[in-house]
Amino acid sequence: MPLHNSPTMNLLSATTELIHKDFGLETPSSPFSDKDALVAWFADQIRTMIDERPGDLFSVLYIIDVDEEKIRFALSPQSPEEPAPAIARLVVERLFQKAETRLKYSGDAEGDW
């Protein structure tokens, strides 16, 4: 189990905060143990957005710059995953990259970006 102050935990925490900020979702108070746990939780949120607010979902995906071709594939019958977990994984990967870059250059996961 990773330490709570490890770089990976800092990135997971920063990624979770970005999900909260970008998607307006309440995130669990306890930290996720790894990316897969975050994706599993987030897939349920994405599933709800697909069903109830698809326009909002696609707007946020555009704003946070998730690759459109990857989204199309995730929604296609050729995707090996169902749409919600596939999109959740794409978002988490994108926001993880964003958090990694911000932490690298700011040294502060909580600062204004």
PDB file of N, CA and C in Angstrom:
ATOM      1  N   MET A   1       0.849  -1.180   0.000  1.00  0.00           N
ATOM      2  CA  MET A   1       0.000   0.000   0.000  1.00  0.00           C
ATOM      3  C   MET A   1       0.895   1.244   0.000  1.00  0.00           C
ATOM      4  N   PRO A   2       0.631   2.205  -0.909  1.00  0.00           N
ATOM      5  CA  PRO A   2       1.489   3.375  -0.978  1.00  0.00           C
ATOM      6  C   PRO A   2       1.328   4.270   0.243  1.00  0.00           C
ATOM      7  N   LEU A   3       2.369   4.997   0.543  1.00  0.00           N
ATOM      8  CA  LEU A   3       2.309   5.955   1.635  1.00  0.00           C
ATOM      9  C   LEU A   3       1.434   7.133   1.242  1.00  0.00           C
ATOM     10  N   HIS A   4       0.782   7.748   2.222  1.00  0.00           N
ATOM     11  CA  HIS A   4      -0.131   8.855   1.941  1.00  0.00           C
ATOM     12  C   HIS A   4       0.581  10.071   1.373  1.00  0.00           C
ATOM     13  N   ASN A   5       1.862  10.229   1.609  1.00  0.00           N
ATOM     14  CA  ASN A   5       2.588  11.384   1.096  1.00  0.00           C
ATOM     15  C   ASN A   5       3.452  11.043  -0.115  1.00  0.00           C
ATOM     16  N   SER A   6       3.246   9.877  -0.694  1.00  0.00           N
ATOM     17  CA  SER A   6       4.032   9.491  -1.859  1.00  0.00           C
ATOM     18  C   SER A   6       3.630  10.331  -3.061  1.00  0.00           C
ATOM     19  N   PRO A   7       4.498  10.444  -4.063  1.00  0.00           N
ATOM     20  CA  PRO A   7       4.151  11.199  -5.271  1.00  0.00           C
ATOM     21  C   PRO A   7       2.876  10.685  -5.936  1.00  0.00           C
ATOM     22  N   THR A   8       2.686   9.359  -5.956  1.00  0.00           N
ATOM     23  CA  THR A   8       1.476   8.805  -6.569  1.00  0.00           C
ATOM     24  C   THR A   8       0.230   9.233  -5.811  1.00  0.00           C
ATOM     25  N   MET A   9       0.284   9.204  -4.488  1.00  0.00           N
ATOM     26  CA  MET A   9      -0.864   9.629  -3.695  1.00  0.00           C
ATOM     27  C   MET A   9      -1.138  11.117  -3.901  1.00  0.00           C
ATOM     28  N   ASN A  10      -0.077  11.921  -4.002  1.00  0.00           N
ATOM     29  CA  ASN A  10      -0.266  13.346  -4.276  1.00  0.00           C
ATOM     30  C   ASN A  10      -0.943  13.549  -5.626  1.00  0.00           C
ATOM     31  N   LEU A  11      -0.531  12.774  -6.640  1.00  0.00           N
ATOM     32  CA  LEU A  11      -1.146  12.879  -7.959  1.00  0.00           C
ATOM     33  C   LEU A  11      -2.590  12.405  -7.943  1.00  0.00           C
ATOM     34  N   LEU A  12      -2.868  11.330  -7.228  1.00  0.00           N
ATOM     35  CA  LEU A  12      -4.250  10.856  -7.112  1.00  0.00           C
ATOM     36  C   LEU A  12      -5.124  11.894  -6.419  1.00  0.00           C
ATOM     37  N   SER A  13      -4.597  12.491  -5.374  1.00  0.00           N
ATOM     38  CA  SER A  13      -5.332  13.523  -4.659  1.00  0.00           C
ATOM     39  C   SER A  13      -5.587  14.736  -5.560  1.00  0.00           C
ATOM     40  N   ALA A  14      -4.564  15.164  -6.292  1.00  0.00           N
ATOM     41  CA  ALA A  14      -4.715  16.303  -7.195  1.00  0.00           C
ATOM     42  C   ALA A  14      -5.694  15.975  -8.323  1.00  0.00           C
ATOM     43  N   THR A  15      -5.638  14.751  -8.837  1.00  0.00           N
ATOM     44  CA  THR A  15      -6.559  14.324  -9.892  1.00  0.00           C
ATOM     45  C   THR A  15      -7.989  14.296  -9.375  1.00  0.00           C
ATOM     46  N   THR A  16      -8.165  13.792  -8.163  1.00  0.00           N
ATOM     47  CA  THR A  16      -9.496  13.769  -7.552  1.00  0.00           C
ATOM     48  C   THR A  16     -10.030  15.182  -7.387  1.00  0.00           C
ATOM     49  N   GLU A  17      -9.178  16.104  -6.979  1.00  0.00           N
ATOM     50  CA  GLU A  17      -9.586  17.504  -6.835  1.00  0.00           C
ATOM     51  C   GLU A  17      -9.979  18.104  -8.185  1.00  0.00           C
ATOM     52  N   LEU A  18      -9.253  17.763  -9.228  1.00  0.00           N
ATOM     53  CA  LEU A  18      -9.609  18.254 -10.572  1.00  0.00           C
ATOM     54  C   LEU A  18     -10.960  17.697 -11.016  1.00  0.00           C
ATOM     55  N   ILE A  19     -11.242  16.439 -10.700  1.00  0.00           N
ATOM     56  CA  ILE A  19     -12.555  15.861 -11.018  1.00  0.00           C
ATOM     57  C   ILE A  19     -13.642  16.633 -10.285  1.00  0.00           C
ATOM     58  N   HIS A  20     -13.399  16.907  -9.011  1.00  0.00           N
ATOM     59  CA  HIS A  20     -14.357  17.687  -8.221  1.00  0.00           C
ATOM     60  C   HIS A  20     -14.599  19.049  -8.865  1.00  0.00           C
ATOM     61  N   LYS A  21     -13.512  19.721  -9.226  1.00  0.00           N
ATOM     62  CA  LYS A  21     -13.590  21.063  -9.794  1.00  0.00           C
ATOM     63  C   LYS A  21     -14.227  21.058 -11.190  1.00  0.00           C
ATOM     64  N   ASP A  22     -13.736  20.197 -12.072  1.00  0.00           N
ATOM     65  CA  ASP A  22     -14.181  20.212 -13.461  1.00  0.00           C
ATOM     66  C   ASP A  22     -15.577  19.634 -13.651  1.00  0.00           C
ATOM     67  N   PHE A  23     -15.938  18.631 -12.870  1.00  0.00           N
ATOM     68  CA  PHE A  23     -17.224  17.966 -13.037  1.00  0.00           C
ATOM     69  C   PHE A  23     -18.252  18.370 -11.986  1.00  0.00           C
ATOM     70  N   GLY A  24     -17.833  19.130 -10.978  1.00  0.00           N
ATOM     71  CA  GLY A  24     -18.755  19.554  -9.937  1.00  0.00           C
ATOM     72  C   GLY A  24     -19.294  18.391  -9.117  1.00  0.00           C
ATOM     73  N   LEU A  25     -18.478  17.361  -8.944  1.00  0.00           N
ATOM     74  CA  LEU A  25     -18.904  16.173  -8.211  1.00  0.00           C
ATOM     75  C   LEU A  25     -18.338  16.176  -6.802  1.00  0.00           C
ATOM     76  N   GLU A  26     -19.128  15.698  -5.881  1.00  0.00           N
ATOM     77  CA  GLU A  26     -18.624  15.474  -4.529  1.00  0.00           C
ATOM     78  C   GLU A  26     -17.811  14.193  -4.559  1.00  0.00           C
ATOM     79  N   THR A  27     -16.587  14.289  -4.106  1.00  0.00           N
ATOM     80  CA  THR A  27     -15.710  13.125  -4.107  1.00  0.00           C
ATOM     81  C   THR A  27     -15.625  12.544  -2.699  1.00  0.00           C
ATOM     82  N   PRO A  28     -15.333  11.265  -2.589  1.00  0.00           N
ATOM     83  CA  PRO A  28     -15.232  10.652  -1.256  1.00  0.00           C
ATOM     84  C   PRO A  28     -14.181  11.349  -0.392  1.00  0.00           C
ATOM     85  N   SER A  29     -14.423  11.356   0.896  1.00  0.00           N
ATOM     86  CA  SER A  29     -13.501  12.040   1.809  1.00  0.00           C
ATOM     87  C   SER A  29     -12.193  11.270   1.996  1.00  0.00           C
ATOM     88  N   SER A  30     -12.238   9.951   1.892  1.00  0.00           N
ATOM     89  CA  SER A  30     -10.996   9.186   2.025  1.00  0.00           C
ATOM     90  C   SER A  30     -10.333   9.068   0.651  1.00  0.00           C
ATOM     91  N   PRO A  31      -9.003   9.113   0.625  1.00  0.00           N
ATOM     92  CA  PRO A  31      -8.297   9.071  -0.659  1.00  0.00           C
ATOM     93  C   PRO A  31      -8.413   7.706  -1.334  1.00  0.00           C
ATOM     94  N   PHE A  32      -8.299   7.723  -2.645  1.00  0.00           N
ATOM     95  CA  PHE A  32      -8.299   6.480  -3.410  1.00  0.00           C
ATOM     96  C   PHE A  32      -6.932   5.811  -3.276  1.00  0.00           C
ATOM     97  N   SER A  33      -6.926   4.493  -3.258  1.00  0.00           N
ATOM     98  CA  SER A  33      -5.676   3.760  -3.072  1.00  0.00           C
ATOM     99  C   SER A  33      -4.838   3.699  -4.350  1.00  0.00           C
ATOM    100  N   ASP A  34      -5.507   3.785  -5.504  1.00  0.00           N
ATOM    101  CA  ASP A  34      -4.790   3.755  -6.775  1.00  0.00           C
ATOM    102  C   ASP A  34      -5.702   4.274  -7.885  1.00  0.00           C
ATOM    103  N   LYS A  35      -5.148   4.377  -9.091  1.00  0.00           N
ATOM    104  CA  LYS A  35      -5.918   4.885 -10.235  1.00  0.00           C
ATOM    105  C   LYS A  35      -7.133   4.022 -10.524  1.00  0.00           C
ATOM    106  N   ASP A  36      -6.983   2.703 -10.409  1.00  0.00           N
ATOM    107  CA  ASP A  36      -8.105   1.805 -10.716  1.00  0.00           C
ATOM    108  C   ASP A  36      -9.287   2.048  -9.786  1.00  0.00           C
ATOM    109  N   ALA A  37      -9.016   2.317  -8.521  1.00  0.00           N
ATOM    110  CA  ALA A  37     -10.093   2.607  -7.574  1.00  0.00           C
ATOM    111  C   ALA A  37     -10.788   3.927  -7.944  1.00  0.00           C
ATOM    112  N   LEU A  38     -10.005   4.909  -8.348  1.00  0.00           N
ATOM    113  CA  LEU A  38     -10.576   6.191  -8.783  1.00  0.00           C
ATOM    114  C   LEU A  38     -11.420   5.994 -10.036  1.00  0.00           C
ATOM    115  N   VAL A  39     -10.910   5.237 -11.004  1.00  0.00           N
ATOM    116  CA  VAL A  39     -11.661   4.979 -12.239  1.00  0.00           C
ATOM    117  C   VAL A  39     -12.961   4.246 -11.940  1.00  0.00           C
ATOM    118  N   ALA A  40     -12.914   3.254 -11.065  1.00  0.00           N
ATOM    119  CA  ALA A  40     -14.122   2.489 -10.721  1.00  0.00           C
ATOM    120  C   ALA A  40     -15.192   3.398 -10.115  1.00  0.00           C
ATOM    121  N   TRP A  41     -14.792   4.261  -9.186  1.00  0.00           N
ATOM    122  CA  TRP A  41     -15.743   5.203  -8.587  1.00  0.00           C
ATOM    123  C   TRP A  41     -16.257   6.176  -9.650  1.00  0.00           C
ATOM    124  N   PHE A  42     -15.353   6.719 -10.447  1.00  0.00           N
ATOM    125  CA  PHE A  42     -15.709   7.737 -11.427  1.00  0.00           C
ATOM    126  C   PHE A  42     -16.583   7.168 -12.542  1.00  0.00           C
ATOM    127  N   ALA A  43     -16.417   5.897 -12.886  1.00  0.00           N
ATOM    128  CA  ALA A  43     -17.245   5.268 -13.932  1.00  0.00           C
ATOM    129  C   ALA A  43     -18.728   5.346 -13.572  1.00  0.00           C
ATOM    130  N   ASP A  44     -19.046   5.168 -12.291  1.00  0.00           N
ATOM    131  CA  ASP A  44     -20.448   5.296 -11.863  1.00  0.00           C
ATOM    132  C   ASP A  44     -20.966   6.718 -12.077  1.00  0.00           C
ATOM    133  N   GLN A  45     -20.112   7.696 -11.816  1.00  0.00           N
ATOM    134  CA  GLN A  45     -20.499   9.092 -12.009  1.00  0.00           C
ATOM    135  C   GLN A  45     -20.699   9.384 -13.501  1.00  0.00           C
ATOM    136  N   ILE A  46     -19.804   8.862 -14.327  1.00  0.00           N
ATOM    137  CA  ILE A  46     -19.898   9.049 -15.777  1.00  0.00           C
ATOM    138  C   ILE A  46     -21.164   8.387 -16.310  1.00  0.00           C
ATOM    139  N   ARG A  47     -21.463   7.190 -15.825  1.00  0.00           N
ATOM    140  CA  ARG A  47     -22.679   6.477 -16.246  1.00  0.00           C
ATOM    141  C   ARG A  47     -23.912   7.334 -15.979  1.00  0.00           C
ATOM    142  N   THR A  48     -23.966   7.950 -14.811  1.00  0.00           N
ATOM    143  CA  THR A  48     -25.090   8.825 -14.481  1.00  0.00           C
ATOM    144  C   THR A  48     -25.143  10.022 -15.425  1.00  0.00           C
ATOM    145  N   MET A  49     -23.991  10.600 -15.712  1.00  0.00           N
ATOM    146  CA  MET A  49     -23.962  11.745 -16.623  1.00  0.00           C
ATOM    147  C   MET A  49     -24.385  11.347 -18.039  1.00  0.00           C
ATOM    148  N   ILE A  50     -23.965  10.177 -18.500  1.00  0.00           N
ATOM    149  CA  ILE A  50     -24.381   9.705 -19.827  1.00  0.00           C
ATOM    150  C   ILE A  50     -25.902   9.583 -19.877  1.00  0.00           C
ATOM    151  N   ASP A  51     -26.488   9.044 -18.816  1.00  0.00           N
ATOM    152  CA  ASP A  51     -27.928   8.821 -18.773  1.00  0.00           C
ATOM    153  C   ASP A  51     -28.735  10.105 -18.567  1.00  0.00           C
ATOM    154  N   GLU A  52     -28.228  11.008 -17.717  1.00  0.00           N
ATOM    155  CA  GLU A  52     -29.031  12.158 -17.293  1.00  0.00           C
ATOM    156  C   GLU A  52     -28.581  13.494 -17.862  1.00  0.00           C
ATOM    157  N   ARG A  53     -27.283  13.653 -18.135  1.00  0.00           N
ATOM    158  CA  ARG A  53     -26.760  14.951 -18.581  1.00  0.00           C
ATOM    159  C   ARG A  53     -25.650  14.777 -19.619  1.00  0.00           C
ATOM    160  N   PRO A  54     -25.959  14.107 -20.737  1.00  0.00           N
ATOM    161  CA  PRO A  54     -24.893  13.862 -21.707  1.00  0.00           C
ATOM    162  C   PRO A  54     -24.286  15.146 -22.280  1.00  0.00           C
ATOM    163  N   GLY A  55     -25.085  16.175 -22.464  1.00  0.00           N
ATOM    164  CA  GLY A  55     -24.555  17.440 -22.978  1.00  0.00           C
ATOM    165  C   GLY A  55     -23.517  18.041 -22.049  1.00  0.00           C
ATOM    166  N   ASP A  56     -23.790  17.993 -20.751  1.00  0.00           N
ATOM    167  CA  ASP A  56     -22.827  18.498 -19.763  1.00  0.00           C
ATOM    168  C   ASP A  56     -21.541  17.681 -19.799  1.00  0.00           C
ATOM    169  N   LEU A  57     -21.691  16.361 -19.903  1.00  0.00           N
ATOM    170  CA  LEU A  57     -20.517  15.490 -19.950  1.00  0.00           C
ATOM    171  C   LEU A  57     -19.636  15.838 -21.144  1.00  0.00           C
ATOM    172  N   PHE A  58     -20.240  15.936 -22.317  1.00  0.00           N
ATOM    173  CA  PHE A  58     -19.433  16.192 -23.511  1.00  0.00           C
ATOM    174  C   PHE A  58     -18.831  17.593 -23.491  1.00  0.00           C
ATOM    175  N   SER A  59     -19.505  18.544 -22.870  1.00  0.00           N
ATOM    176  CA  SER A  59     -18.926  19.888 -22.722  1.00  0.00           C
ATOM    177  C   SER A  59     -17.668  19.848 -21.863  1.00  0.00           C
ATOM    178  N   VAL A  60     -17.730  19.146 -20.749  1.00  0.00           N
ATOM    179  CA  VAL A  60     -16.566  19.059 -19.862  1.00  0.00           C
ATOM    180  C   VAL A  60     -15.436  18.297 -20.549  1.00  0.00           C
ATOM    181  N   LEU A  61     -15.767  17.222 -21.256  1.00  0.00           N
ATOM    182  CA  LEU A  61     -14.731  16.471 -21.964  1.00  0.00           C
ATOM    183  C   LEU A  61     -14.008  17.367 -22.964  1.00  0.00           C
ATOM    184  N   TYR A  62     -14.750  18.228 -23.632  1.00  0.00           N
ATOM    185  CA  TYR A  62     -14.149  19.172 -24.578  1.00  0.00           C
ATOM    186  C   TYR A  62     -13.260  20.180 -23.838  1.00  0.00           C
ATOM    187  N   ILE A  63     -13.774  20.730 -22.750  1.00  0.00           N
ATOM    188  CA  ILE A  63     -13.042  21.752 -21.997  1.00  0.00           C
ATOM    189  C   ILE A  63     -11.725  21.204 -21.439  1.00  0.00           C
ATOM    190  N   ILE A  64     -11.759  19.981 -20.925  1.00  0.00           N
ATOM    191  CA  ILE A  64     -10.531  19.426 -20.338  1.00  0.00           C
ATOM    192  C   ILE A  64      -9.644  18.754 -21.384  1.00  0.00           C
ATOM    193  N   ASP A  65     -10.081  18.800 -22.636  1.00  0.00           N
ATOM    194  CA  ASP A  65      -9.261  18.379 -23.773  1.00  0.00           C
ATOM    195  C   ASP A  65      -8.975  16.878 -23.801  1.00  0.00           C
ATOM    196  N   VAL A  66     -10.025  16.082 -23.601  1.00  0.00           N
ATOM    197  CA  VAL A  66      -9.892  14.637 -23.788  1.00  0.00           C
ATOM    198  C   VAL A  66      -9.992  14.381 -25.293  1.00  0.00           C
ATOM    199  N   ASP A  67      -9.093  13.572 -25.818  1.00  0.00           N
ATOM    200  CA  ASP A  67      -9.019  13.299 -27.246  1.00  0.00           C
ATOM    201  C   ASP A  67     -10.369  12.816 -27.796  1.00  0.00           C
ATOM    202  N   GLU A  68     -10.892  13.551 -28.776  1.00  0.00           N
ATOM    203  CA  GLU A  68     -12.211  13.259 -29.340  1.00  0.00           C
ATOM    204  C   GLU A  68     -12.266  11.882 -30.008  1.00  0.00           C
ATOM    205  N   GLU A  69     -11.200  11.492 -30.683  1.00  0.00           N
ATOM    206  CA  GLU A  69     -11.166  10.177 -31.337  1.00  0.00           C
ATOM    207  C   GLU A  69     -11.235   9.053 -30.298  1.00  0.00           C
ATOM    208  N   LYS A  70     -10.572   9.247 -29.173  1.00  0.00           N
ATOM    209  CA  LYS A  70     -10.616   8.244 -28.108  1.00  0.00           C
ATOM    210  C   LYS A  70     -12.008   8.156 -27.500  1.00  0.00           C
ATOM    211  N   ILE A  71     -12.681   9.297 -27.391  1.00  0.00           N
ATOM    212  CA  ILE A  71     -14.054   9.293 -26.877  1.00  0.00           C
ATOM    213  C   ILE A  71     -14.960   8.550 -27.847  1.00  0.00           C
ATOM    214  N   ARG A  72     -14.823   8.839 -29.133  1.00  0.00           N
ATOM    215  CA  ARG A  72     -15.635   8.143 -30.144  1.00  0.00           C
ATOM    216  C   ARG A  72     -15.426   6.637 -30.062  1.00  0.00           C
ATOM    217  N   PHE A  73     -14.162   6.228 -29.927  1.00  0.00           N
ATOM    218  CA  PHE A  73     -13.885   4.797 -29.827  1.00  0.00           C
ATOM    219  C   PHE A  73     -14.517   4.216 -28.561  1.00  0.00           C
ATOM    220  N   ALA A  74     -14.418   4.934 -27.452  1.00  0.00           N
ATOM    221  CA  ALA A  74     -14.998   4.451 -26.188  1.00  0.00           C
ATOM    222  C   ALA A  74     -16.506   4.264 -26.301  1.00  0.00           C
ATOM    223  N   LEU A  75     -17.138   5.060 -27.143  1.00  0.00           N
ATOM    224  CA  LEU A  75     -18.590   4.967 -27.326  1.00  0.00           C
ATOM    225  C   LEU A  75     -18.985   3.971 -28.415  1.00  0.00           C
ATOM    226  N   SER A  76     -18.009   3.460 -29.147  1.00  0.00           N
ATOM    227  CA  SER A  76     -18.305   2.569 -30.275  1.00  0.00           C
ATOM    228  C   SER A  76     -18.457   1.121 -29.824  1.00  0.00           C
ATOM    229  N   PRO A  77     -19.122   0.326 -30.652  1.00  0.00           N
ATOM    230  CA  PRO A  77     -19.244  -1.108 -30.342  1.00  0.00           C
ATOM    231  C   PRO A  77     -17.896  -1.844 -30.373  1.00  0.00           C
ATOM    232  N   GLN A  78     -16.894  -1.272 -31.011  1.00  0.00           N
ATOM    233  CA  GLN A  78     -15.573  -1.914 -31.076  1.00  0.00           C
ATOM    234  C   GLN A  78     -14.782  -1.786 -29.777  1.00  0.00           C
ATOM    235  N   SER A  79     -15.188  -0.901 -28.891  1.00  0.00           N
ATOM    236  CA  SER A  79     -14.473  -0.712 -27.631  1.00  0.00           C
ATOM    237  C   SER A  79     -14.600  -1.969 -26.771  1.00  0.00           C
ATOM    238  N   PRO A  80     -13.482  -2.438 -26.198  1.00  0.00           N
ATOM    239  CA  PRO A  80     -13.556  -3.618 -25.341  1.00  0.00           C
ATOM    240  C   PRO A  80     -14.232  -3.345 -23.992  1.00  0.00           C
ATOM    241  N   GLU A  81     -14.335  -2.059 -23.620  1.00  0.00           N
ATOM    242  CA  GLU A  81     -14.975  -1.677 -22.357  1.00  0.00           C
ATOM    243  C   GLU A  81     -16.334  -1.045 -22.638  1.00  0.00           C
ATOM    244  N   GLU A  82     -17.184  -1.054 -21.634  1.00  0.00           N
ATOM    245  CA  GLU A  82     -18.426  -0.291 -21.732  1.00  0.00           C
ATOM    246  C   GLU A  82     -18.070   1.189 -21.740  1.00  0.00           C
ATOM    247  N   PRO A  83     -18.956   2.044 -22.257  1.00  0.00           N
ATOM    248  CA  PRO A  83     -18.624   3.471 -22.381  1.00  0.00           C
ATOM    249  C   PRO A  83     -18.237   4.165 -21.076  1.00  0.00           C
ATOM    250  N   ALA A  84     -18.972   3.954 -20.013  1.00  0.00           N
ATOM    251  CA  ALA A  84     -18.703   4.698 -18.775  1.00  0.00           C
ATOM    252  C   ALA A  84     -17.300   4.427 -18.218  1.00  0.00           C
ATOM    253  N   PRO A  85     -16.882   3.173 -18.037  1.00  0.00           N
ATOM    254  CA  PRO A  85     -15.524   2.960 -17.540  1.00  0.00           C
ATOM    255  C   PRO A  85     -14.456   3.414 -18.533  1.00  0.00           C
ATOM    256  N   ALA A  86     -14.723   3.283 -19.828  1.00  0.00           N
ATOM    257  CA  ALA A  86     -13.746   3.711 -20.825  1.00  0.00           C
ATOM    258  C   ALA A  86     -13.556   5.228 -20.775  1.00  0.00           C
ATOM    259  N   ILE A  87     -14.653   5.957 -20.687  1.00  0.00           N
ATOM    260  CA  ILE A  87     -14.557   7.420 -20.607  1.00  0.00           C
ATOM    261  C   ILE A  87     -13.942   7.835 -19.275  1.00  0.00           C
ATOM    262  N   ALA A  88     -14.322   7.165 -18.196  1.00  0.00           N
ATOM    263  CA  ALA A  88     -13.735   7.474 -16.885  1.00  0.00           C
ATOM    264  C   ALA A  88     -12.223   7.296 -16.926  1.00  0.00           C
ATOM    265  N   ARG A  89     -11.763   6.234 -17.557  1.00  0.00           N
ATOM    266  CA  ARG A  89     -10.321   5.976 -17.661  1.00  0.00           C
ATOM    267  C   ARG A  89      -9.638   7.076 -18.481  1.00  0.00           C
ATOM    268  N   LEU A  90     -10.257   7.489 -19.594  1.00  0.00           N
ATOM    269  CA  LEU A  90      -9.693   8.566 -20.416  1.00  0.00           C
ATOM    270  C   LEU A  90      -9.587   9.868 -19.626  1.00  0.00           C
ATOM    271  N   VAL A  91     -10.629  10.197 -18.882  1.00  0.00           N
ATOM    272  CA  VAL A  91     -10.629  11.433 -18.093  1.00  0.00           C
ATOM    273  C   VAL A  91      -9.573  11.366 -17.002  1.00  0.00           C
ATOM    274  N   VAL A  92      -9.528  10.266 -16.281  1.00  0.00           N
ATOM    275  CA  VAL A  92      -8.551  10.133 -15.194  1.00  0.00           C
ATOM    276  C   VAL A  92      -7.139  10.235 -15.756  1.00  0.00           C
ATOM    277  N   GLU A  93      -6.870   9.582 -16.873  1.00  0.00           N
ATOM    278  CA  GLU A  93      -5.533   9.670 -17.476  1.00  0.00           C
ATOM    279  C   GLU A  93      -5.205  11.114 -17.867  1.00  0.00           C
ATOM    280  N   ARG A  94      -6.170  11.811 -18.471  1.00  0.00           N
ATOM    281  CA  ARG A  94      -5.941  13.198 -18.891  1.00  0.00           C
ATOM    282  C   ARG A  94      -5.704  14.097 -17.682  1.00  0.00           C
ATOM    283  N   LEU A  95      -6.543  13.968 -16.658  1.00  0.00           N
ATOM    284  CA  LEU A  95      -6.403  14.818 -15.480  1.00  0.00           C
ATOM    285  C   LEU A  95      -5.173  14.441 -14.660  1.00  0.00           C
ATOM    286  N   PHE A  96      -4.784  13.173 -14.691  1.00  0.00           N
ATOM    287  CA  PHE A  96      -3.555  12.741 -14.024  1.00  0.00           C
ATOM    288  C   PHE A  96      -2.361  13.438 -14.682  1.00  0.00           C
ATOM    289  N   GLN A  97      -2.353  13.481 -16.021  1.00  0.00           N
ATOM    290  CA  GLN A  97      -1.285  14.185 -16.751  1.00  0.00           C
ATOM    291  C   GLN A  97      -1.268  15.670 -16.378  1.00  0.00           C
ATOM    292  N   LYS A  98      -2.442  16.261 -16.339  1.00  0.00           N
ATOM    293  CA  LYS A  98      -2.564  17.682 -15.999  1.00  0.00           C
ATOM    294  C   LYS A  98      -2.045  17.933 -14.581  1.00  0.00           C
ATOM    295  N   ALA A  99      -2.451  17.088 -13.639  1.00  0.00           N
ATOM    296  CA  ALA A  99      -1.999  17.232 -12.248  1.00  0.00           C
ATOM    297  C   ALA A  99      -0.494  17.041 -12.148  1.00  0.00           C
ATOM    298  N   GLU A 100       0.030  16.066 -12.892  1.00  0.00           N
ATOM    299  CA  GLU A 100       1.469  15.798 -12.870  1.00  0.00           C
ATOM    300  C   GLU A 100       2.251  17.021 -13.360  1.00  0.00           C
ATOM    301  N   THR A 101       1.780  17.616 -14.434  1.00  0.00           N
ATOM    302  CA  THR A 101       2.441  18.812 -14.974  1.00  0.00           C
ATOM    303  C   THR A 101       2.367  19.961 -13.984  1.00  0.00           C
ATOM    304  N   ARG A 102       1.207  20.162 -13.403  1.00  0.00           N
ATOM    305  CA  ARG A 102       1.054  21.265 -12.443  1.00  0.00           C
ATOM    306  C   ARG A 102       1.896  21.057 -11.196  1.00  0.00           C
ATOM    307  N   LEU A 103       1.932  19.834 -10.700  1.00  0.00           N
ATOM    308  CA  LEU A 103       2.757  19.565  -9.521  1.00  0.00           C
ATOM    309  C   LEU A 103       4.236  19.749  -9.839  1.00  0.00           C
ATOM    310  N   LYS A 104       4.635  19.354 -11.037  1.00  0.00           N
ATOM    311  CA  LYS A 104       6.033  19.468 -11.446  1.00  0.00           C
ATOM    312  C   LYS A 104       6.474  20.929 -11.502  1.00  0.00           C
ATOM    313  N   TYR A 105       5.614  21.787 -12.050  1.00  0.00           N
ATOM    314  CA  TYR A 105       6.017  23.175 -12.248  1.00  0.00           C
ATOM    315  C   TYR A 105       5.641  24.115 -11.112  1.00  0.00           C
ATOM    316  N   SER A 106       4.634  23.750 -10.333  1.00  0.00           N
ATOM    317  CA  SER A 106       4.247  24.645  -9.237  1.00  0.00           C
ATOM    318  C   SER A 106       4.769  24.155  -7.892  1.00  0.00           C
ATOM    319  N   GLY A 107       4.911  22.838  -7.766  1.00  0.00           N
ATOM    320  CA  GLY A 107       5.321  22.268  -6.484  1.00  0.00           C
ATOM    321  C   GLY A 107       4.202  22.319  -5.461  1.00  0.00           C
ATOM    322  N   ASP A 108       3.007  22.734  -5.900  1.00  0.00           N
ATOM    323  CA  ASP A 108       1.886  22.909  -4.977  1.00  0.00           C
ATOM    324  C   ASP A 108       0.619  22.388  -5.637  1.00  0.00           C
ATOM    325  N   ALA A 109       0.089  21.260  -5.141  1.00  0.00           N
ATOM    326  CA  ALA A 109      -1.115  20.661  -5.707  1.00  0.00           C
ATOM    327  C   ALA A 109      -2.357  21.469  -5.393  1.00  0.00           C
ATOM    328  N   GLU A 110      -2.305  22.359  -4.431  1.00  0.00           N
ATOM    329  CA  GLU A 110      -3.500  23.061  -3.988  1.00  0.00           C
ATOM    330  C   GLU A 110      -3.567  24.505  -4.478  1.00  0.00           C
ATOM    331  N   GLY A 111      -2.576  24.958  -5.196  1.00  0.00           N
ATOM    332  CA  GLY A 111      -2.539  26.359  -5.625  1.00  0.00           C
ATOM    333  C   GLY A 111      -3.538  26.670  -6.710  1.00  0.00           C
ATOM    334  N   ASP A 112      -3.757  27.945  -6.990  1.00  0.00           N
ATOM    335  CA  ASP A 112      -4.592  28.367  -8.088  1.00  0.00           C
ATOM    336  C   ASP A 112      -3.852  28.138  -9.384  1.00  0.00           C
ATOM    337  N   TRP A 113      -4.494  27.494 -10.332  1.00  0.00           N
ATOM    338  CA  TRP A 113      -3.841  27.149 -11.591  1.00  0.00           C
ATOM    339  C   TRP A 113      -4.445  27.961 -12.678  1.00  0.00           C
TER     340      TRP A 113
END
